Amino acid sequence: MATNSSSLAYPEPYCAGESCEFEVARTVALIAGRWAVPIMESLYFAGEPVRFRALQRRLGSISQKELTRQLTLFVHHAVVSRREHEGSRAGIEYALTARGLALLKQMDALGRWAKRMDPA
């Protein structure tokens, strides 16, 4: 256990002895955009893969360019999967991956922490 100057005991960070600054900064950058959380939540609450246009409708005022940019970033980081359909079901569907679900769980925990810390 680590201690501070007032002798309170704190648990060791999960990456004690290692540098986590890069990973934390990269993760925060991934979810910091205005649309990141709403996109992830929309995919989660859909409960099934969602086509691009349906996702855009669920989000309301997001532009096609911004949704494409954010989904491309999420796919690159394996937070969202992208599946292309051909034939009569032609189109692209997006869904959260196991990694995306794990990230969303941590974001929920962070949100609950922030709510507890809010003095209002």
N, C-alpha and C. Protein backbone atom coordinates (compact mmCIF):
# COMPACT_ATOMS: atom_id res chain seq x y z
N MET A 1 0.83 -1.18 0.00
CA MET A 1 0.00 0.00 0.00
C MET A 1 0.88 1.25 0.00
N ALA A 2 0.51 2.20 -0.79
CA ALA A 2 1.20 3.49 -0.83
C ALA A 2 0.59 4.40 0.23
N THR A 3 1.35 5.36 0.68
CA THR A 3 0.82 6.32 1.66
C THR A 3 1.13 7.72 1.21
N ASN A 4 0.33 8.67 1.70
CA ASN A 4 0.63 10.07 1.42
C ASN A 4 1.11 10.72 2.70
N SER A 5 1.30 12.01 2.69
CA SER A 5 1.86 12.71 3.84
C SER A 5 0.98 12.63 5.08
N SER A 6 -0.31 12.38 4.93
CA SER A 6 -1.17 12.30 6.11
C SER A 6 -1.37 10.85 6.55
N SER A 7 -0.53 9.94 6.04
CA SER A 7 -0.52 8.53 6.42
C SER A 7 -1.79 7.76 6.06
N LEU A 8 -2.51 8.21 5.05
CA LEU A 8 -3.65 7.44 4.56
C LEU A 8 -3.13 6.36 3.62
N ALA A 9 -3.69 5.19 3.70
CA ALA A 9 -3.25 4.09 2.85
C ALA A 9 -4.05 4.09 1.54
N TYR A 10 -3.35 3.96 0.44
CA TYR A 10 -3.96 3.89 -0.88
C TYR A 10 -3.51 2.59 -1.53
N PRO A 11 -4.38 1.95 -2.30
CA PRO A 11 -3.93 0.75 -3.03
C PRO A 11 -2.90 1.14 -4.08
N GLU A 12 -2.01 0.21 -4.37
CA GLU A 12 -1.02 0.46 -5.42
C GLU A 12 -1.74 0.60 -6.75
N PRO A 13 -1.26 1.47 -7.63
CA PRO A 13 -1.85 1.55 -8.97
C PRO A 13 -1.72 0.20 -9.67
N TYR A 14 -2.63 -0.09 -10.59
CA TYR A 14 -2.60 -1.39 -11.27
C TYR A 14 -1.33 -1.60 -12.07
N CYS A 15 -0.66 -0.54 -12.41
CA CYS A 15 0.57 -0.70 -13.19
C CYS A 15 1.76 -0.12 -12.42
N ALA A 16 1.78 -0.37 -11.12
CA ALA A 16 2.88 0.13 -10.29
C ALA A 16 4.21 -0.36 -10.86
N GLY A 17 5.16 0.52 -10.94
CA GLY A 17 6.47 0.18 -11.46
C GLY A 17 6.56 0.27 -12.98
N GLU A 18 5.43 0.46 -13.64
CA GLU A 18 5.41 0.60 -15.09
C GLU A 18 4.90 1.99 -15.44
N SER A 19 5.16 2.39 -16.65
CA SER A 19 4.63 3.67 -17.11
C SER A 19 3.30 3.44 -17.82
N CYS A 20 2.22 3.98 -17.27
CA CYS A 20 0.90 3.84 -17.88
C CYS A 20 0.45 5.13 -18.53
N GLU A 21 1.27 6.15 -18.44
CA GLU A 21 0.85 7.46 -18.93
C GLU A 21 0.43 7.42 -20.39
N PHE A 22 1.17 6.71 -21.23
CA PHE A 22 0.85 6.66 -22.66
C PHE A 22 -0.49 5.97 -22.89
N GLU A 23 -0.70 4.83 -22.24
CA GLU A 23 -1.94 4.08 -22.42
C GLU A 23 -3.15 4.88 -21.95
N VAL A 24 -3.02 5.53 -20.81
CA VAL A 24 -4.12 6.34 -20.28
C VAL A 24 -4.41 7.50 -21.22
N ALA A 25 -3.38 8.20 -21.65
CA ALA A 25 -3.56 9.34 -22.56
C ALA A 25 -4.18 8.91 -23.88
N ARG A 26 -3.75 7.77 -24.41
CA ARG A 26 -4.30 7.27 -25.67
C ARG A 26 -5.77 6.90 -25.51
N THR A 27 -6.13 6.29 -24.40
CA THR A 27 -7.52 5.91 -24.16
C THR A 27 -8.40 7.13 -23.97
N VAL A 28 -7.92 8.10 -23.21
CA VAL A 28 -8.68 9.33 -23.01
C VAL A 28 -8.89 10.04 -24.35
N ALA A 29 -7.86 10.09 -25.18
CA ALA A 29 -7.99 10.72 -26.50
C ALA A 29 -9.04 10.00 -27.35
N LEU A 30 -9.12 8.69 -27.23
CA LEU A 30 -10.07 7.90 -28.01
C LEU A 30 -11.52 8.23 -27.66
N ILE A 31 -11.78 8.51 -26.39
CA ILE A 31 -13.16 8.74 -25.95
C ILE A 31 -13.48 10.21 -25.66
N ALA A 32 -12.53 11.10 -25.94
CA ALA A 32 -12.71 12.51 -25.58
C ALA A 32 -13.60 13.30 -26.53
N GLY A 33 -13.76 12.85 -27.73
CA GLY A 33 -14.55 13.61 -28.70
C GLY A 33 -16.01 13.71 -28.31
N ARG A 34 -16.66 14.73 -28.82
CA ARG A 34 -18.07 14.99 -28.51
C ARG A 34 -18.97 13.79 -28.79
N TRP A 35 -18.66 13.05 -29.85
CA TRP A 35 -19.55 11.98 -30.30
C TRP A 35 -19.12 10.59 -29.85
N ALA A 36 -17.96 10.44 -29.25
CA ALA A 36 -17.45 9.12 -28.89
C ALA A 36 -18.40 8.36 -27.96
N VAL A 37 -18.77 8.97 -26.86
CA VAL A 37 -19.65 8.29 -25.90
C VAL A 37 -21.04 8.04 -26.48
N PRO A 38 -21.68 9.02 -27.11
CA PRO A 38 -23.00 8.73 -27.69
C PRO A 38 -22.97 7.61 -28.73
N ILE A 39 -21.91 7.52 -29.53
CA ILE A 39 -21.81 6.45 -30.52
C ILE A 39 -21.70 5.11 -29.82
N MET A 40 -20.82 5.01 -28.84
CA MET A 40 -20.65 3.74 -28.13
C MET A 40 -21.93 3.34 -27.42
N GLU A 41 -22.60 4.30 -26.78
CA GLU A 41 -23.85 3.98 -26.09
C GLU A 41 -24.93 3.56 -27.08
N SER A 42 -25.02 4.21 -28.23
CA SER A 42 -26.01 3.83 -29.24
C SER A 42 -25.78 2.41 -29.74
N LEU A 43 -24.52 2.06 -29.96
CA LEU A 43 -24.21 0.70 -30.39
C LEU A 43 -24.55 -0.31 -29.29
N TYR A 44 -24.29 0.05 -28.05
CA TYR A 44 -24.59 -0.84 -26.93
C TYR A 44 -26.10 -1.05 -26.78
N PHE A 45 -26.85 0.03 -26.74
CA PHE A 45 -28.29 -0.07 -26.50
C PHE A 45 -29.05 -0.64 -27.70
N ALA A 46 -28.44 -0.64 -28.88
CA ALA A 46 -29.08 -1.26 -30.04
C ALA A 46 -29.20 -2.77 -29.82
N GLY A 47 -28.24 -3.35 -29.12
CA GLY A 47 -28.29 -4.78 -28.82
C GLY A 47 -27.97 -5.69 -29.99
N GLU A 48 -27.67 -5.13 -31.12
CA GLU A 48 -27.33 -5.90 -32.32
C GLU A 48 -26.54 -4.98 -33.25
N PRO A 49 -25.88 -5.56 -34.26
CA PRO A 49 -25.15 -4.70 -35.21
C PRO A 49 -26.08 -3.67 -35.84
N VAL A 50 -25.53 -2.48 -36.09
CA VAL A 50 -26.33 -1.36 -36.60
C VAL A 50 -25.72 -0.86 -37.90
N ARG A 51 -26.56 -0.62 -38.87
CA ARG A 51 -26.10 -0.06 -40.15
C ARG A 51 -25.78 1.42 -39.96
N PHE A 52 -24.91 1.91 -40.83
CA PHE A 52 -24.43 3.29 -40.73
C PHE A 52 -25.58 4.29 -40.66
N ARG A 53 -26.50 4.23 -41.60
CA ARG A 53 -27.60 5.22 -41.65
C ARG A 53 -28.49 5.12 -40.41
N ALA A 54 -28.74 3.91 -39.94
CA ALA A 54 -29.56 3.74 -38.73
C ALA A 54 -28.85 4.35 -37.52
N LEU A 55 -27.54 4.15 -37.45
CA LEU A 55 -26.77 4.74 -36.36
C LEU A 55 -26.80 6.26 -36.45
N GLN A 56 -26.66 6.79 -37.65
CA GLN A 56 -26.71 8.24 -37.84
C GLN A 56 -28.07 8.79 -37.40
N ARG A 57 -29.14 8.09 -37.72
CA ARG A 57 -30.49 8.53 -37.30
C ARG A 57 -30.62 8.49 -35.78
N ARG A 58 -30.08 7.44 -35.15
CA ARG A 58 -30.16 7.32 -33.69
C ARG A 58 -29.44 8.48 -33.00
N LEU A 59 -28.38 8.96 -33.62
CA LEU A 59 -27.56 10.01 -33.02
C LEU A 59 -28.08 11.42 -33.29
N GLY A 60 -28.94 11.56 -34.26
CA GLY A 60 -29.53 12.87 -34.53
C GLY A 60 -28.68 13.76 -35.40
N SER A 61 -28.03 14.75 -34.81
CA SER A 61 -27.39 15.81 -35.59
C SER A 61 -25.94 15.55 -35.99
N ILE A 62 -25.43 14.35 -35.85
CA ILE A 62 -24.05 14.07 -36.25
C ILE A 62 -23.95 14.07 -37.78
N SER A 63 -22.87 14.64 -38.29
CA SER A 63 -22.66 14.66 -39.75
C SER A 63 -22.13 13.30 -40.21
N GLN A 64 -22.32 13.01 -41.48
CA GLN A 64 -21.81 11.77 -42.05
C GLN A 64 -20.29 11.72 -41.92
N LYS A 65 -19.64 12.85 -42.17
CA LYS A 65 -18.18 12.93 -42.08
C LYS A 65 -17.68 12.62 -40.67
N GLU A 66 -18.33 13.19 -39.66
CA GLU A 66 -17.91 12.96 -38.27
C GLU A 66 -18.17 11.53 -37.83
N LEU A 67 -19.31 10.98 -38.20
CA LEU A 67 -19.61 9.60 -37.84
C LEU A 67 -18.62 8.65 -38.51
N THR A 68 -18.31 8.89 -39.76
CA THR A 68 -17.32 8.07 -40.47
C THR A 68 -15.97 8.17 -39.79
N ARG A 69 -15.55 9.38 -39.45
CA ARG A 69 -14.25 9.58 -38.79
C ARG A 69 -14.18 8.82 -37.47
N GLN A 70 -15.21 8.95 -36.66
CA GLN A 70 -15.21 8.32 -35.34
C GLN A 70 -15.27 6.80 -35.45
N LEU A 71 -16.10 6.28 -36.35
CA LEU A 71 -16.19 4.83 -36.52
C LEU A 71 -14.88 4.26 -37.05
N THR A 72 -14.23 4.97 -37.96
CA THR A 72 -12.94 4.52 -38.48
C THR A 72 -11.91 4.43 -37.36
N LEU A 73 -11.90 5.42 -36.49
CA LEU A 73 -11.00 5.42 -35.33
C LEU A 73 -11.31 4.25 -34.40
N PHE A 74 -12.58 4.03 -34.11
CA PHE A 74 -12.98 2.92 -33.24
C PHE A 74 -12.61 1.57 -33.86
N VAL A 75 -12.82 1.41 -35.14
CA VAL A 75 -12.48 0.16 -35.82
C VAL A 75 -10.97 -0.05 -35.77
N HIS A 76 -10.20 1.00 -36.00
CA HIS A 76 -8.74 0.92 -35.95
C HIS A 76 -8.25 0.44 -34.58
N HIS A 77 -8.92 0.87 -33.52
CA HIS A 77 -8.53 0.49 -32.15
C HIS A 77 -9.27 -0.75 -31.65
N ALA A 78 -9.99 -1.42 -32.54
CA ALA A 78 -10.71 -2.67 -32.23
C ALA A 78 -11.76 -2.51 -31.14
N VAL A 79 -12.33 -1.32 -31.05
CA VAL A 79 -13.41 -1.04 -30.10
C VAL A 79 -14.75 -1.34 -30.76
N VAL A 80 -14.80 -1.19 -32.07
CA VAL A 80 -16.00 -1.43 -32.86
C VAL A 80 -15.62 -2.34 -34.03
N SER A 81 -16.51 -3.26 -34.36
CA SER A 81 -16.29 -4.10 -35.55
C SER A 81 -17.08 -3.54 -36.72
N ARG A 82 -16.56 -3.78 -37.91
CA ARG A 82 -17.20 -3.32 -39.15
C ARG A 82 -17.40 -4.54 -40.03
N ARG A 83 -18.65 -4.78 -40.41
CA ARG A 83 -18.96 -5.94 -41.24
C ARG A 83 -19.68 -5.49 -42.50
N GLU A 84 -19.11 -5.88 -43.64
CA GLU A 84 -19.69 -5.50 -44.93
C GLU A 84 -20.56 -6.63 -45.45
N HIS A 85 -21.77 -6.29 -45.88
CA HIS A 85 -22.69 -7.27 -46.46
C HIS A 85 -22.78 -7.03 -47.96
N GLU A 86 -22.91 -8.11 -48.71
CA GLU A 86 -23.07 -8.00 -50.16
C GLU A 86 -24.43 -8.57 -50.55
N GLY A 87 -24.77 -8.40 -51.79
CA GLY A 87 -26.02 -8.96 -52.31
C GLY A 87 -27.23 -8.15 -51.88
N SER A 88 -28.32 -8.86 -51.60
CA SER A 88 -29.57 -8.17 -51.27
C SER A 88 -29.50 -7.42 -49.95
N ARG A 89 -28.57 -7.82 -49.07
CA ARG A 89 -28.40 -7.12 -47.78
C ARG A 89 -27.20 -6.18 -47.82
N ALA A 90 -26.85 -5.70 -48.97
CA ALA A 90 -25.66 -4.86 -49.13
C ALA A 90 -25.69 -3.70 -48.14
N GLY A 91 -24.55 -3.47 -47.54
CA GLY A 91 -24.41 -2.39 -46.58
C GLY A 91 -23.35 -2.74 -45.56
N ILE A 92 -23.13 -1.85 -44.62
CA ILE A 92 -22.11 -2.03 -43.59
C ILE A 92 -22.78 -1.94 -42.23
N GLU A 93 -22.43 -2.88 -41.35
CA GLU A 93 -22.94 -2.88 -39.99
C GLU A 93 -21.79 -2.68 -39.00
N TYR A 94 -22.10 -2.01 -37.92
CA TYR A 94 -21.13 -1.76 -36.87
C TYR A 94 -21.66 -2.32 -35.55
N ALA A 95 -20.74 -2.81 -34.72
CA ALA A 95 -21.12 -3.33 -33.40
C ALA A 95 -19.93 -3.15 -32.46
N LEU A 96 -20.22 -3.05 -31.18
CA LEU A 96 -19.15 -3.02 -30.19
C LEU A 96 -18.48 -4.38 -30.14
N THR A 97 -17.18 -4.38 -29.99
CA THR A 97 -16.42 -5.62 -29.78
C THR A 97 -16.36 -5.89 -28.28
N ALA A 98 -15.78 -7.02 -27.90
CA ALA A 98 -15.58 -7.31 -26.48
C ALA A 98 -14.70 -6.22 -25.85
N ARG A 99 -13.74 -5.75 -26.62
CA ARG A 99 -12.87 -4.66 -26.15
C ARG A 99 -13.68 -3.37 -25.95
N GLY A 100 -14.60 -3.10 -26.86
CA GLY A 100 -15.47 -1.93 -26.74
C GLY A 100 -16.38 -2.02 -25.53
N LEU A 101 -16.93 -3.22 -25.30
CA LEU A 101 -17.78 -3.42 -24.12
C LEU A 101 -16.99 -3.22 -22.83
N ALA A 102 -15.75 -3.72 -22.81
CA ALA A 102 -14.90 -3.54 -21.63
C ALA A 102 -14.60 -2.05 -21.41
N LEU A 103 -14.34 -1.33 -22.49
CA LEU A 103 -14.09 0.11 -22.38
C LEU A 103 -15.33 0.84 -21.88
N LEU A 104 -16.49 0.47 -22.40
CA LEU A 104 -17.74 1.10 -21.98
C LEU A 104 -17.99 0.85 -20.49
N LYS A 105 -17.66 -0.33 -20.02
CA LYS A 105 -17.80 -0.65 -18.59
C LYS A 105 -16.92 0.27 -17.75
N GLN A 106 -15.70 0.50 -18.20
CA GLN A 106 -14.79 1.38 -17.47
C GLN A 106 -15.27 2.84 -17.53
N MET A 107 -15.83 3.23 -18.67
CA MET A 107 -16.37 4.58 -18.80
C MET A 107 -17.55 4.77 -17.85
N ASP A 108 -18.37 3.73 -17.69
CA ASP A 108 -19.49 3.78 -16.76
C ASP A 108 -18.97 3.96 -15.33
N ALA A 109 -17.95 3.21 -14.97
CA ALA A 109 -17.35 3.34 -13.63
C ALA A 109 -16.80 4.75 -13.43
N LEU A 110 -16.16 5.29 -14.44
CA LEU A 110 -15.62 6.65 -14.36
C LEU A 110 -16.75 7.66 -14.19
N GLY A 111 -17.84 7.46 -14.92
CA GLY A 111 -19.00 8.35 -14.79
C GLY A 111 -19.61 8.30 -13.40
N ARG A 112 -19.72 7.08 -12.83
CA ARG A 112 -20.25 6.96 -11.47
C ARG A 112 -19.32 7.63 -10.46
N TRP A 113 -18.01 7.49 -10.65
CA TRP A 113 -17.04 8.15 -9.78
C TRP A 113 -17.21 9.66 -9.87
N ALA A 114 -17.31 10.19 -11.08
CA ALA A 114 -17.45 11.64 -11.28
C ALA A 114 -18.73 12.15 -10.61
N LYS A 115 -19.79 11.37 -10.69
CA LYS A 115 -21.05 11.78 -10.06
C LYS A 115 -20.90 11.84 -8.54
N ARG A 116 -20.18 10.88 -7.96
CA ARG A 116 -19.95 10.90 -6.50
C ARG A 116 -19.08 12.08 -6.09
N MET A 117 -18.16 12.48 -6.94
CA MET A 117 -17.23 13.56 -6.61
C MET A 117 -17.83 14.94 -6.84
N ASP A 118 -18.95 15.01 -7.57
CA ASP A 118 -19.59 16.30 -7.86
C ASP A 118 -20.17 16.87 -6.58
N PRO A 119 -19.71 18.05 -6.16
CA PRO A 119 -20.19 18.64 -4.90
C PRO A 119 -21.62 19.15 -4.97
N ALA A 120 -22.19 19.27 -6.15
CA ALA A 120 -23.54 19.84 -6.28
C ALA A 120 -24.62 18.89 -5.84
